[in-house]
C-alpha atoms as a PDB file:
ATOM      1  CA  MET A   1      -0.126   0.183  -0.123  1.00  0.00           C
ATOM      2  CA  GLY A   2       1.265   3.460  -0.962  1.00  0.00           C
ATOM      3  CA  ILE A   3      -0.060   6.999  -0.081  1.00  0.00           C
ATOM      4  CA  LEU A   4      -0.701   7.448  -3.852  1.00  0.00           C
ATOM      5  CA  ASP A   5      -2.806   4.441  -4.619  1.00  0.00           C
ATOM      6  CA  GLY A   6      -5.155   4.967  -6.766  1.00  0.00           C
ATOM      7  CA  LYS A   7      -3.941   8.211  -8.386  1.00  0.00           C
ATOM      8  CA  VAL A   8      -3.214   9.253 -11.572  1.00  0.00           C
ATOM      9  CA  ALA A   9       0.016  11.517 -12.142  1.00  0.00           C
ATOM     10  CA  ILE A  10       1.598  13.468 -14.859  1.00  0.00           C
ATOM     11  CA  VAL A  11       5.380  14.365 -14.365  1.00  0.00           C
ATOM     12  CA  THR A  12       6.738  16.509 -17.011  1.00  0.00           C
ATOM     13  CA  GLY A  13      10.438  16.583 -17.544  1.00  0.00           C
ATOM     14  CA  ALA A  14      10.492  12.985 -16.050  1.00  0.00           C
ATOM     15  CA  GLY A  15      13.360  11.302 -18.444  1.00  0.00           C
ATOM     16  CA  ARG A  16      16.322  12.407 -16.264  1.00  0.00           C
ATOM     17  CA  GLY A  17      17.544  13.787 -13.188  1.00  0.00           C
ATOM     18  CA  ILE A  18      14.537  15.250 -10.348  1.00  0.00           C
ATOM     19  CA  GLY A  19      11.817  14.339 -12.789  1.00  0.00           C
ATOM     20  CA  ARG A  20      12.934  10.630 -13.195  1.00  0.00           C
ATOM     21  CA  GLU A  21      13.303  10.182  -9.401  1.00  0.00           C
ATOM     22  CA  GLU A  22       9.667  11.999  -9.208  1.00  0.00           C
ATOM     23  CA  ALA A  23       8.079   9.868 -11.621  1.00  0.00           C
ATOM     24  CA  ILE A  24       9.614   6.565 -10.011  1.00  0.00           C
ATOM     25  CA  LEU A  25       8.747   7.405  -6.412  1.00  0.00           C
ATOM     26  CA  LEU A  26       4.904   8.188  -7.464  1.00  0.00           C
ATOM     27  CA  ALA A  27       4.818   5.115  -9.098  1.00  0.00           C
ATOM     28  CA  LYS A  28       6.211   3.264  -6.071  1.00  0.00           C
ATOM     29  CA  GLU A  29       3.794   5.009  -3.814  1.00  0.00           C
ATOM     30  CA  GLY A  30       0.660   3.507  -6.127  1.00  0.00           C
ATOM     31  CA  ALA A  31       0.202   6.229  -8.771  1.00  0.00           C
ATOM     32  CA  LYS A  32      -0.390   5.387 -12.197  1.00  0.00           C
ATOM     33  CA  VAL A  33       2.312   7.708 -14.336  1.00  0.00           C
ATOM     34  CA  VAL A  34       2.296   9.444 -17.353  1.00  0.00           C
ATOM     35  CA  VAL A  35       6.129   9.992 -17.937  1.00  0.00           C
ATOM     36  CA  ASN A  36       6.540  13.244 -19.899  1.00  0.00           C
ATOM     37  CA  ASP A  37       9.672  14.301 -21.613  1.00  0.00           C
ATOM     38  CA  ALA A  38      10.494  15.611 -24.828  1.00  0.00           C
ATOM     39  CA  GLY A  39      13.901  14.158 -24.762  1.00  0.00           C
ATOM     40  CA  VAL A  40      15.960  17.504 -25.270  1.00  0.00           C
ATOM     41  CA  HIS A  41      19.386  18.793 -24.474  1.00  0.00           C
ATOM     42  CA  TYR A  42      19.830  20.666 -21.272  1.00  0.00           C
ATOM     43  CA  ASP A  43      19.679  23.918 -23.804  1.00  0.00           C
ATOM     44  CA  GLY A  44      16.293  22.523 -25.462  1.00  0.00           C
ATOM     45  CA  THR A  45      17.718  21.437 -28.654  1.00  0.00           C
ATOM     46  CA  GLY A  46      17.111  18.201 -30.043  1.00  0.00           C
ATOM     47  CA  THR A  47      14.361  15.453 -29.273  1.00  0.00           C
ATOM     48  CA  SER A  48      14.573  11.915 -28.199  1.00  0.00           C
ATOM     49  CA  ARG A  49      11.901   9.105 -27.197  1.00  0.00           C
ATOM     50  CA  GLY A  50      14.467   7.039 -25.210  1.00  0.00           C
ATOM     51  CA  PRO A  51      14.408   9.114 -21.861  1.00  0.00           C
ATOM     52  CA  ALA A  52      10.488   8.954 -21.598  1.00  0.00           C
ATOM     53  CA  GLU A  53      10.589   5.410 -22.589  1.00  0.00           C
ATOM     54  CA  ASP A  54      13.365   4.260 -20.412  1.00  0.00           C
ATOM     55  CA  VAL A  55      11.740   5.538 -17.298  1.00  0.00           C
ATOM     56  CA  ALA A  56       8.149   4.284 -18.012  1.00  0.00           C
ATOM     57  CA  ASN A  57       9.806   1.001 -18.902  1.00  0.00           C
ATOM     58  CA  GLU A  58      11.317   0.982 -15.521  1.00  0.00           C
ATOM     59  CA  ILE A  59       8.245   1.678 -13.660  1.00  0.00           C
ATOM     60  CA  LYS A  60       6.667  -1.315 -15.461  1.00  0.00           C
ATOM     61  CA  LYS A  61       9.628  -3.715 -14.357  1.00  0.00           C
ATOM     62  CA  MET A  62       9.018  -2.961 -10.990  1.00  0.00           C
ATOM     63  CA  GLY A  63       5.495  -3.833 -11.254  1.00  0.00           C
ATOM     64  CA  GLY A  64       4.061  -0.079 -11.525  1.00  0.00           C
ATOM     65  CA  GLU A  65       1.846   1.195 -14.275  1.00  0.00           C
ATOM     66  CA  ALA A  66       3.328   4.326 -16.786  1.00  0.00           C
ATOM     67  CA  VAL A  67       3.002   5.571 -20.294  1.00  0.00           C
ATOM     68  CA  PRO A  68       5.445   7.664 -22.010  1.00  0.00           C
ATOM     69  CA  ASN A  69       4.673  10.992 -23.272  1.00  0.00           C
ATOM     70  CA  PHE A  70       6.705  13.169 -25.849  1.00  0.00           C
ATOM     71  CA  ASP A  71       4.791  16.342 -26.452  1.00  0.00           C
ATOM     72  CA  ASN A  72       6.523  19.781 -25.404  1.00  0.00           C
ATOM     73  CA  VAL A  73       4.943  21.433 -22.405  1.00  0.00           C
ATOM     74  CA  SER A  74       5.911  25.026 -24.179  1.00  0.00           C
ATOM     75  CA  ASP A  75       2.988  24.189 -26.881  1.00  0.00           C
ATOM     76  CA  PHE A  76      -0.391  24.959 -25.486  1.00  0.00           C
ATOM     77  CA  GLN A  77      -2.165  21.998 -27.220  1.00  0.00           C
ATOM     78  CA  GLY A  78       0.919  19.669 -26.517  1.00  0.00           C
ATOM     79  CA  ALA A  79       0.131  20.284 -22.973  1.00  0.00           C
ATOM     80  CA  ALA A  80      -3.606  19.443 -23.528  1.00  0.00           C
ATOM     81  CA  ASN A  81      -2.559  16.325 -25.045  1.00  0.00           C
ATOM     82  CA  ILE A  82      -0.533  15.344 -22.138  1.00  0.00           C
ATOM     83  CA  VAL A  83      -3.544  16.019 -19.838  1.00  0.00           C
ATOM     84  CA  LYS A  84      -5.595  14.095 -22.325  1.00  0.00           C
ATOM     85  CA  GLN A  85      -3.629  11.033 -22.220  1.00  0.00           C
ATOM     86  CA  ALA A  86      -3.668  10.635 -18.766  1.00  0.00           C
ATOM     87  CA  ILE A  87      -7.273  10.731 -18.689  1.00  0.00           C
ATOM     88  CA  GLU A  88      -7.735   8.718 -21.570  1.00  0.00           C
ATOM     89  CA  THR A  89      -5.424   5.922 -20.333  1.00  0.00           C
ATOM     90  CA  TYR A  90      -6.280   5.829 -16.824  1.00  0.00           C
ATOM     91  CA  GLY A  91      -9.717   7.428 -16.547  1.00  0.00           C
ATOM     92  CA  ALA A  92      -8.825  10.283 -14.553  1.00  0.00           C
ATOM     93  CA  LEU A  93      -6.436  13.014 -13.391  1.00  0.00           C
ATOM     94  CA  HIS A  94      -5.080  13.578  -9.796  1.00  0.00           C
ATOM     95  CA  ILE A  95      -1.347  15.104  -9.680  1.00  0.00           C
ATOM     96  CA  VAL A  96       0.548  17.140 -11.981  1.00  0.00           C
ATOM     97  CA  VAL A  97       4.154  17.607 -11.458  1.00  0.00           C
ATOM     98  CA  ASN A  98       5.643  20.489 -13.483  1.00  0.00           C
ATOM     99  CA  ASN A  99       9.576  19.679 -13.515  1.00  0.00           C
ATOM    100  CA  ALA A 100      10.380  20.307 -17.397  1.00  0.00           C
ATOM    101  CA  GLY A 101      13.031  22.840 -17.944  1.00  0.00           C
ATOM    102  CA  ILE A 102      15.876  24.261 -19.842  1.00  0.00           C
ATOM    103  CA  LEU A 103      19.038  26.442 -19.378  1.00  0.00           C
ATOM    104  CA  ARG A 104      20.502  28.854 -21.915  1.00  0.00           C
ATOM    105  CA  ASP A 105      22.529  31.069 -19.488  1.00  0.00           C
ATOM    106  CA  LYS A 106      23.819  34.751 -20.650  1.00  0.00           C
ATOM    107  CA  MET A 107      24.595  37.990 -18.992  1.00  0.00           C
ATOM    108  CA  LEU A 108      21.612  40.157 -19.806  1.00  0.00           C
ATOM    109  CA  PHE A 109      23.506  42.722 -21.908  1.00  0.00           C
ATOM    110  CA  ASN A 110      24.588  39.476 -24.244  1.00  0.00           C
ATOM    111  CA  MET A 111      21.348  37.714 -24.130  1.00  0.00           C
ATOM    112  CA  GLU A 112      19.507  37.198 -27.662  1.00  0.00           C
ATOM    113  CA  GLU A 113      15.894  37.584 -27.583  1.00  0.00           C
ATOM    114  CA  GLU A 114      15.798  33.634 -28.512  1.00  0.00           C
ATOM    115  CA  MET A 115      17.367  32.787 -25.620  1.00  0.00           C
ATOM    116  CA  TRP A 116      15.018  34.663 -23.401  1.00  0.00           C
ATOM    117  CA  ASP A 117      11.949  33.284 -25.189  1.00  0.00           C
ATOM    118  CA  ALA A 118      12.995  29.674 -24.952  1.00  0.00           C
ATOM    119  CA  VAL A 119      13.490  29.863 -21.415  1.00  0.00           C
ATOM    120  CA  ILE A 120      10.245  31.418 -20.560  1.00  0.00           C
ATOM    121  CA  ALA A 121       8.387  29.322 -23.093  1.00  0.00           C
ATOM    122  CA  VAL A 122       9.440  25.845 -21.444  1.00  0.00           C
ATOM    123  CA  HIS A 123       9.540  27.188 -17.671  1.00  0.00           C
ATOM    124  CA  LEU A 124       6.867  29.729 -17.226  1.00  0.00           C
ATOM    125  CA  LYS A 125       4.496  29.186 -20.235  1.00  0.00           C
ATOM    126  CA  GLY A 126       4.965  25.433 -19.930  1.00  0.00           C
ATOM    127  CA  THR A 127       3.750  25.633 -16.529  1.00  0.00           C
ATOM    128  CA  PHE A 128       0.907  27.843 -17.046  1.00  0.00           C
ATOM    129  CA  ASN A 129       0.106  25.595 -20.127  1.00  0.00           C
ATOM    130  CA  MET A 130      -0.184  22.356 -18.034  1.00  0.00           C
ATOM    131  CA  CYS A 131      -1.816  23.859 -15.043  1.00  0.00           C
ATOM    132  CA  ARG A 132      -4.408  25.733 -17.225  1.00  0.00           C
ATOM    133  CA  HIS A 133      -5.435  22.505 -18.961  1.00  0.00           C
ATOM    134  CA  ALA A 134      -5.452  20.366 -15.489  1.00  0.00           C
ATOM    135  CA  CYS A 135      -7.324  23.122 -13.815  1.00  0.00           C
ATOM    136  CA  ALA A 136     -10.110  23.520 -16.355  1.00  0.00           C
ATOM    137  CA  TYR A 137     -10.506  19.412 -15.967  1.00  0.00           C
ATOM    138  CA  TRP A 138     -10.729  19.677 -12.308  1.00  0.00           C
ATOM    139  CA  ARG A 139     -13.121  22.558 -12.146  1.00  0.00           C
ATOM    140  CA  GLU A 140     -15.507  20.544 -14.793  1.00  0.00           C
ATOM    141  CA  GLN A 141     -15.461  17.482 -12.757  1.00  0.00           C
ATOM    142  CA  HIS A 142     -15.956  19.396  -9.495  1.00  0.00           C
ATOM    143  CA  LYS A 143     -19.201  21.199 -11.214  1.00  0.00           C
ATOM    144  CA  ALA A 144     -20.301  17.816 -11.960  1.00  0.00           C
ATOM    145  CA  GLY A 145     -19.966  16.346  -8.114  1.00  0.00           C
ATOM    146  CA  ASN A 146     -16.698  14.357  -8.769  1.00  0.00           C
ATOM    147  CA  ILE A 147     -14.451  16.016  -6.553  1.00  0.00           C
ATOM    148  CA  LEU A 148     -10.590  14.887  -7.440  1.00  0.00           C
ATOM    149  CA  TYR A 149      -8.718  16.850  -4.948  1.00  0.00           C
ATOM    150  CA  GLY A 150      -6.372  17.744  -7.500  1.00  0.00           C
ATOM    151  CA  LYS A 151      -2.717  18.430  -6.563  1.00  0.00           C
ATOM    152  CA  ILE A 152      -0.095  20.430  -8.548  1.00  0.00           C
ATOM    153  CA  ILE A 153       3.710  20.765  -7.361  1.00  0.00           C
ATOM    154  CA  ASN A 154       5.232  23.462  -9.368  1.00  0.00           C
ATOM    155  CA  THR A 155       9.249  23.590  -9.521  1.00  0.00           C
ATOM    156  CA  SER A 156      11.211  27.109  -8.980  1.00  0.00           C
ATOM    157  CA  SER A 157      14.445  27.681  -7.888  1.00  0.00           C
ATOM    158  CA  ASP A 158      16.837  29.624  -5.809  1.00  0.00           C
ATOM    159  CA  ALA A 159      17.878  31.540  -9.183  1.00  0.00           C
ATOM    160  CA  GLY A 160      14.236  32.840  -9.058  1.00  0.00           C
ATOM    161  CA  LEU A 161      13.827  33.495  -5.433  1.00  0.00           C
ATOM    162  CA  LEU A 162      17.298  34.778  -4.422  1.00  0.00           C
ATOM    163  CA  GLY A 163      18.844  35.550  -7.831  1.00  0.00           C
ATOM    164  CA  ASN A 164      21.984  34.375  -9.803  1.00  0.00           C
ATOM    165  CA  PRO A 165      23.925  36.463 -12.428  1.00  0.00           C
ATOM    166  CA  GLY A 166      23.674  34.976 -15.731  1.00  0.00           C
ATOM    167  CA  GLN A 167      20.211  33.633 -15.520  1.00  0.00           C
ATOM    168  CA  THR A 168      17.815  36.465 -15.770  1.00  0.00           C
ATOM    169  CA  ASN A 169      15.764  34.604 -18.242  1.00  0.00           C
ATOM    170  CA  TYR A 170      15.607  31.325 -15.945  1.00  0.00           C
ATOM    171  CA  GLY A 171      15.556  33.213 -12.751  1.00  0.00           C
ATOM    172  CA  ALA A 172      12.544  35.577 -14.059  1.00  0.00           C
ATOM    173  CA  ALA A 173      10.663  32.393 -14.981  1.00  0.00           C
ATOM    174  CA  LYS A 174      11.287  30.417 -11.715  1.00  0.00           C
ATOM    175  CA  ALA A 175      10.252  33.723  -9.873  1.00  0.00           C
ATOM    176  CA  GLY A 176       7.094  33.915 -11.894  1.00  0.00           C
ATOM    177  CA  ILE A 177       6.240  30.181 -10.990  1.00  0.00           C
ATOM    178  CA  ALA A 178       6.392  30.952  -7.386  1.00  0.00           C
ATOM    179  CA  ALA A 179       4.036  34.053  -8.088  1.00  0.00           C
ATOM    180  CA  LEU A 180       1.700  31.744 -10.173  1.00  0.00           C
ATOM    181  CA  THR A 181       1.647  29.177  -7.588  1.00  0.00           C
ATOM    182  CA  ILE A 182       0.198  31.343  -5.132  1.00  0.00           C
ATOM    183  CA  ILE A 183      -1.945  33.095  -7.154  1.00  0.00           C
ATOM    184  CA  LEU A 184      -3.396  29.678  -8.715  1.00  0.00           C
ATOM    185  CA  ALA A 185      -3.446  28.148  -5.106  1.00  0.00           C
ATOM    186  CA  LYS A 186      -6.217  31.069  -3.931  1.00  0.00           C
ATOM    187  CA  GLU A 187      -8.087  30.459  -7.728  1.00  0.00           C
ATOM    188  CA  MET A 188      -8.333  26.793  -7.154  1.00  0.00           C
ATOM    189  CA  ALA A 189      -9.145  26.666  -3.410  1.00  0.00           C
ATOM    190  CA  ARG A 190     -13.085  26.505  -4.078  1.00  0.00           C
ATOM    191  CA  TYR A 191     -12.548  23.341  -6.330  1.00  0.00           C
ATOM    192  CA  ASN A 192     -10.555  21.724  -3.611  1.00  0.00           C
ATOM    193  CA  VAL A 193      -7.262  21.533  -5.854  1.00  0.00           C
ATOM    194  CA  CYS A 194      -3.938  22.261  -3.965  1.00  0.00           C
ATOM    195  CA  VAL A 195      -0.793  24.142  -5.700  1.00  0.00           C
ATOM    196  CA  ASN A 196       2.364  24.156  -4.110  1.00  0.00           C
ATOM    197  CA  CYS A 197       5.867  24.844  -5.314  1.00  0.00           C
ATOM    198  CA  ILE A 198       9.556  23.400  -4.757  1.00  0.00           C
ATOM    199  CA  ALA A 199      12.839  24.931  -5.322  1.00  0.00           C
ATOM    200  CA  PRO A 200      15.207  21.817  -5.377  1.00  0.00           C
ATOM    201  CA  ILE A 201      18.756  21.801  -4.869  1.00  0.00           C
ATOM    202  CA  ALA A 202      20.270  18.829  -6.226  1.00  0.00           C
ATOM    203  CA  ARG A 203      22.845  17.253  -8.665  1.00  0.00           C
ATOM    204  CA  THR A 204      21.258  17.359 -12.489  1.00  0.00           C
ATOM    205  CA  ARG A 205      22.389  18.397 -15.895  1.00  0.00           C
ATOM    206  CA  LEU A 206      20.933  22.055 -15.188  1.00  0.00           C
ATOM    207  CA  THR A 207      23.333  22.419 -12.130  1.00  0.00           C
ATOM    208  CA  THR A 208      26.282  20.805 -13.694  1.00  0.00           C
ATOM    209  CA  ASP A 209      26.749  20.902 -17.335  1.00  0.00           C
ATOM    210  CA  ALA A 210      25.045  23.984 -17.808  1.00  0.00           C
ATOM    211  CA  THR A 211      25.611  26.276 -14.736  1.00  0.00           C
ATOM    212  CA  PRO A 212      29.438  26.568 -14.422  1.00  0.00           C
ATOM    213  CA  SER A 213      29.120  28.847 -11.228  1.00  0.00           C
ATOM    214  CA  LEU A 214      27.549  25.807  -9.557  1.00  0.00           C
ATOM    215  CA  ALA A 215      29.203  22.999 -10.867  1.00  0.00           C
ATOM    216  CA  ALA A 216      31.899  22.862  -8.337  1.00  0.00           C
ATOM    217  CA  LEU A 217      29.405  22.795  -5.462  1.00  0.00           C
ATOM    218  CA  MET A 218      27.355  20.259  -7.294  1.00  0.00           C
ATOM    219  CA  SER A 219      29.813  17.823  -8.338  1.00  0.00           C
ATOM    220  CA  MET A 220      30.960  17.269  -4.978  1.00  0.00           C
ATOM    221  CA  LYS A 221      29.945  13.603  -3.572  1.00  0.00           C
ATOM    222  CA  PRO A 222      30.469  11.963  -0.309  1.00  0.00           C
ATOM    223  CA  PRO A 223      32.576   8.820  -0.099  1.00  0.00           C
ATOM    224  CA  GLU A 224      30.748   5.725  -1.241  1.00  0.00           C
ATOM    225  CA  GLY A 225      28.021   4.331   1.181  1.00  0.00           C
ATOM    226  CA  GLN A 226      27.315   7.587   2.658  1.00  0.00           C
ATOM    227  CA  PHE A 227      24.168   9.935   2.669  1.00  0.00           C
ATOM    228  CA  ASP A 228      24.611  12.024  -0.823  1.00  0.00           C
ATOM    229  CA  PRO A 229      22.851  15.290   0.189  1.00  0.00           C
ATOM    230  CA  LEU A 230      22.797  16.360  -3.685  1.00  0.00           C
ATOM    231  CA  ASP A 231      20.959  13.065  -5.078  1.00  0.00           C
ATOM    232  CA  PRO A 232      18.149  14.109  -6.903  1.00  0.00           C
ATOM    233  CA  ALA A 233      16.308  11.039  -5.282  1.00  0.00           C
ATOM    234  CA  ASN A 234      15.994  13.393  -2.348  1.00  0.00           C
ATOM    235  CA  ILE A 235      13.494  15.525  -3.644  1.00  0.00           C
ATOM    236  CA  ALA A 236      11.017  12.936  -4.768  1.00  0.00           C
ATOM    237  CA  PRO A 237       9.482  12.367  -1.142  1.00  0.00           C
ATOM    238  CA  LEU A 238       8.374  15.944  -0.365  1.00  0.00           C
ATOM    239  CA  VAL A 239       6.848  15.850  -3.931  1.00  0.00           C
ATOM    240  CA  ALA A 240       4.997  12.624  -3.216  1.00  0.00           C
ATOM    241  CA  TYR A 241       3.903  13.614  -0.124  1.00  0.00           C
ATOM    242  CA  LEU A 242       2.423  17.300  -1.375  1.00  0.00           C
ATOM    243  CA  ALA A 243       0.797  14.905  -4.091  1.00  0.00           C
ATOM    244  CA  SER A 244      -0.877  12.708  -1.371  1.00  0.00           C
ATOM    245  CA  ASP A 245      -4.757  13.316   0.533  1.00  0.00           C
ATOM    246  CA  ASP A 246      -2.815  14.173   3.274  1.00  0.00           C
ATOM    247  CA  ALA A 247      -1.785  17.198   2.167  1.00  0.00           C
ATOM    248  CA  ASN A 248      -5.171  18.286   1.252  1.00  0.00           C
ATOM    249  CA  ASP A 249      -4.783  20.963   3.880  1.00  0.00           C
ATOM    250  CA  ILE A 250      -1.455  22.439   2.425  1.00  0.00           C
ATOM    251  CA  THR A 251      -1.654  24.973  -0.663  1.00  0.00           C
ATOM    252  CA  GLY A 252       0.044  28.110  -1.699  1.00  0.00           C
ATOM    253  CA  GLN A 253       3.303  27.190  -0.095  1.00  0.00           C
ATOM    254  CA  VAL A 254       6.905  27.351  -1.591  1.00  0.00           C
ATOM    255  CA  PHE A 255       9.392  24.861  -0.150  1.00  0.00           C
ATOM    256  CA  ARG A 256      13.027  24.613  -0.682  1.00  0.00           C
ATOM    257  CA  VAL A 257      14.447  20.953  -0.111  1.00  0.00           C
ATOM    258  CA  ALA A 258      17.769  19.662  -0.496  1.00  0.00           C
ATOM    259  CA  GLY A 259      19.260  16.435   0.962  1.00  0.00           C
ATOM    260  CA  ASP A 260      17.549  15.774   4.455  1.00  0.00           C
ATOM    261  CA  VAL A 261      16.250  19.661   4.703  1.00  0.00           C
ATOM    262  CA  ILE A 262      13.271  21.156   3.738  1.00  0.00           C
ATOM    263  CA  TRP A 263      12.724  24.746   4.116  1.00  0.00           C
ATOM    264  CA  LEU A 264       9.578  26.768   4.095  1.00  0.00           C
ATOM    265  CA  LEU A 265      10.151  29.941   2.238  1.00  0.00           C
ATOM    266  CA  ARG A 266       7.840  33.233   2.222  1.00  0.00           C
ATOM    267  CA  GLY A 267       8.048  35.941  -0.373  1.00  0.00           C
ATOM    268  CA  TRP A 268       8.251  39.541  -0.626  1.00  0.00           C
ATOM    269  CA  HIS A 269       7.627  40.863   3.295  1.00  0.00           C
ATOM    270  CA  THR A 270       8.391  44.278   5.127  1.00  0.00           C
ATOM    271  CA  VAL A 271      11.534  44.126   6.624  1.00  0.00           C
ATOM    272  CA  ASP A 272      11.428  47.478   7.975  1.00  0.00           C
ATOM    273  CA  LYS A 273      10.014  51.082   6.983  1.00  0.00           C
ATOM    274  CA  ILE A 274      10.380  54.748   7.022  1.00  0.00           C
ATOM    275  CA  LYS A 275       7.600  57.428   7.228  1.00  0.00           C
ATOM    276  CA  LYS A 276       7.674  61.374   7.200  1.00  0.00           C
ATOM    277  CA  GLY A 277       4.270  61.479   8.884  1.00  0.00           C
ATOM    278  CA  GLY A 278       1.561  63.640   7.241  1.00  0.00           C
ATOM    279  CA  ALA A 279       3.537  65.197   4.742  1.00  0.00           C
ATOM    280  CA  ARG A 280       4.884  64.364   0.813  1.00  0.00           C
ATOM    281  CA  TRP A 281       8.645  63.485   0.651  1.00  0.00           C
ATOM    282  CA  GLU A 282      11.009  65.654  -0.699  1.00  0.00           C
ATOM    283  CA  PRO A 283      13.401  63.619  -3.235  1.00  0.00           C
ATOM    284  CA  ALA A 284      16.657  64.956  -1.405  1.00  0.00           C
ATOM    285  CA  GLU A 285      15.438  64.074   2.134  1.00  0.00           C
ATOM    286  CA  ILE A 286      14.910  60.499   1.144  1.00  0.00           C
ATOM    287  CA  GLY A 287      18.312  59.378   0.778  1.00  0.00           C
ATOM    288  CA  PRO A 288      19.412  59.766   4.189  1.00  0.00           C
ATOM    289  CA  LYS A 289      16.733  57.716   5.797  1.00  0.00           C
ATOM    290  CA  LEU A 290      16.707  55.069   2.940  1.00  0.00           C
ATOM    291  CA  LYS A 291      20.527  54.718   3.617  1.00  0.00           C
ATOM    292  CA  GLU A 292      19.775  54.064   7.103  1.00  0.00           C
ATOM    293  CA  LEU A 293      16.986  51.570   6.391  1.00  0.00           C
ATOM    294  CA  LEU A 294      19.483  49.523   4.399  1.00  0.00           C
ATOM    295  CA  LYS A 295      22.076  49.721   6.877  1.00  0.00           C
ATOM    296  CA  LYS A 296      20.162  48.281   9.384  1.00  0.00           C
ATOM    297  CA  ALA A 297      18.518  45.684   7.602  1.00  0.00           C
ATOM    298  CA  PRO A 298      19.789  42.266   7.498  1.00  0.00           C
ATOM    299  CA  PRO A 299      21.607  41.011   4.008  1.00  0.00           C
ATOM    300  CA  PRO A 300      19.451  38.811   1.881  1.00  0.00           C
ATOM    301  CA  GLU A 301      20.393  35.240   1.632  1.00  0.00           C
ATOM    302  CA  GLU A 302      22.788  33.862  -1.231  1.00  0.00           C
ATOM    303  CA  MET A 303      22.027  31.267  -3.600  1.00  0.00           C
ATOM    304  CA  THR A 304      25.001  29.601  -1.922  1.00  0.00           C
ATOM    305  CA  ALA A 305      23.661  29.599   1.608  1.00  0.00           C
ATOM    306  CA  PRO A 306      21.449  26.660   1.466  1.00  0.00           C
ATOM    307  CA  PHE A 307      24.541  24.573   1.224  1.00  0.00           C
ATOM    308  CA  ALA A 308      25.867  25.254   4.831  1.00  0.00           C
ATOM    309  CA  ASP A 309      22.790  23.094   5.846  1.00  0.00           C
ATOM    310  CA  LEU A 310      23.687  20.388   3.596  1.00  0.00           C
ATOM    311  CA  ALA A 311      27.628  19.348   5.015  1.00  0.00           C
ATOM    312  CA  VAL A 312      28.316  18.328   1.224  1.00  0.00           C
ATOM    313  CA  LYS A 313      31.839  16.789   1.832  1.00  0.00           C
ATOM    314  CA  GLY A 314      33.857  15.215  -1.314  1.00  0.00           C
END
């Protein structure tokens, strides 16, 4: 018996890395899984059926149920096809894990329009596309009296929540996904749909091959036989739990997850304020007050800060 028995799940970008581990664990916990992956390189070029087929076959070999899907989530109709395949194959849809992603890093002043568009299309539009079609289905079912308690788990990143130079396109998309999560959770609450978001830290193609600034940290491995805090399999348990009925009261949340650590993150909030008191500010008088305010404020968290909790030792 698993915590997802009887559930039907879609995992996008499930052919490798974090998505692969999510799909496999969801299946181990009893879910029937649509394994979506277009089989692209980390920059979005090329296609291959191999990754999705391999993971679907792996799930079936261990006694689970899975089918591969090769649609590109950045295509509105492609995303609709993924949702349709889940419903037609297994009779329903309960879980959507939006994991698909690519990288095309460049400093903004050197970034080409196509590099921006491609990354935004897969991450932000792809997440919208999948959420749009799944939510329309769940709303329709709810109105018909069939409450499915849908679950969406989106994927953000420290690059969007904390910022990382060279990733304005990726970071903007990931920040947008976090905002989309919070807003969509409010929209879908009346239909008993929970929408949450994770910001994972793990060793994948996107954090080693495609991100030189993180490659050294992400490539570190502990001695054989010891717990590996950067293993992408560490991400999947939180996703499986958030997809379960026990998480029916958790929605609109953003969690960072790595190794054995789960952080609860909260977005923009007031750190401090300055107030003149019943009169309009003059531009020149703002400066000293604003600088005093900033001097007192704690420094923002850096992208590398979470690694202090992981104790990665090579």
